[in-house]
C-alpha atoms as a PDB file:
ATOM      1  CA  UNK A   1      -1.745   2.239 -11.273  1.00  0.00           C
ATOM      2  CA  UNK A   2      -3.917   1.999  -8.818  1.00  0.00           C
ATOM      3  CA  UNK A   3      -5.585   5.555  -9.036  1.00  0.00           C
ATOM      4  CA  UNK A   4      -9.011   4.024  -8.607  1.00  0.00           C
ATOM      5  CA  UNK A   5      -7.744   2.126  -5.152  1.00  0.00           C
ATOM      6  CA  UNK A   6     -10.674   3.088  -2.482  1.00  0.00           C
ATOM      7  CA  UNK A   7     -10.275   3.673   0.803  1.00  0.00           C
ATOM      8  CA  UNK A   8     -11.963   0.713   1.921  1.00  0.00           C
ATOM      9  CA  UNK A   9      -9.874  -1.228  -0.594  1.00  0.00           C
ATOM     10  CA  UNK A  10      -7.005  -0.097   0.819  1.00  0.00           C
ATOM     11  CA  UNK A  11      -7.594  -0.986   4.265  1.00  0.00           C
ATOM     12  CA  UNK A  12      -8.358  -4.594   3.415  1.00  0.00           C
ATOM     13  CA  UNK A  13      -5.260  -5.029   2.093  1.00  0.00           C
ATOM     14  CA  UNK A  14      -3.367  -2.535   5.403  1.00  0.00           C
ATOM     15  CA  UNK A  15      -5.266  -4.208   8.371  1.00  0.00           C
ATOM     16  CA  UNK A  16      -4.247  -7.933   8.170  1.00  0.00           C
ATOM     17  CA  UNK A  17      -0.499  -6.934   8.320  1.00  0.00           C
ATOM     18  CA  UNK A  18       1.772  -5.375  10.596  1.00  0.00           C
ATOM     19  CA  UNK A  19       1.413  -1.241  10.190  1.00  0.00           C
ATOM     20  CA  UNK A  20       5.753  -0.847   9.848  1.00  0.00           C
ATOM     21  CA  UNK A  21       6.095  -4.444   8.559  1.00  0.00           C
ATOM     22  CA  UNK A  22       7.356  -5.548   5.421  1.00  0.00           C
ATOM     23  CA  UNK A  23       3.602  -5.949   3.991  1.00  0.00           C
ATOM     24  CA  UNK A  24       2.366  -3.168   6.529  1.00  0.00           C
ATOM     25  CA  UNK A  25       1.580   0.062   5.744  1.00  0.00           C
ATOM     26  CA  UNK A  26       4.877   2.027   5.235  1.00  0.00           C
ATOM     27  CA  UNK A  27       6.592  -1.627   4.355  1.00  0.00           C
ATOM     28  CA  UNK A  28       8.230  -2.776   0.921  1.00  0.00           C
ATOM     29  CA  UNK A  29       4.892  -3.575  -0.482  1.00  0.00           C
ATOM     30  CA  UNK A  30       2.492  -1.527   1.425  1.00  0.00           C
ATOM     31  CA  UNK A  31       1.070   1.449   1.407  1.00  0.00           C
ATOM     32  CA  UNK A  32       4.151   3.531   1.012  1.00  0.00           C
ATOM     33  CA  UNK A  33       5.980   0.729   0.001  1.00  0.00           C
ATOM     34  CA  UNK A  34       7.989   0.069  -3.341  1.00  0.00           C
ATOM     35  CA  UNK A  35       4.961  -1.183  -4.823  1.00  0.00           C
ATOM     36  CA  UNK A  36       2.545   0.207  -2.924  1.00  0.00           C
ATOM     37  CA  UNK A  37      -0.175   3.092  -3.779  1.00  0.00           C
ATOM     38  CA  UNK A  38       2.710   6.094  -3.889  1.00  0.00           C
ATOM     39  CA  UNK A  39       5.359   3.599  -4.587  1.00  0.00           C
ATOM     40  CA  UNK A  40       7.564   3.133  -7.855  1.00  0.00           C
ATOM     41  CA  UNK A  41       4.590   1.105  -8.931  1.00  0.00           C
ATOM     42  CA  UNK A  42       2.250   2.490  -7.472  1.00  0.00           C
ATOM     43  CA  UNK A  43      -0.202   5.254  -8.561  1.00  0.00           C
ATOM     44  CA  UNK A  44       1.625   8.071  -7.850  1.00  0.00           C
ATOM     45  CA  UNK A  45       4.950   6.473  -8.357  1.00  0.00           C
END
């Protein structure tokens, strides 16, 4: 549901975390995780 999320906003969330950690880009709450932009509750989920 974050279709209007800018890349800058995404980077601001991802950068402080490890890219492969639980809150990282590929983690459970990361960019491709279950709550991320491509996850079940994300913009394409």
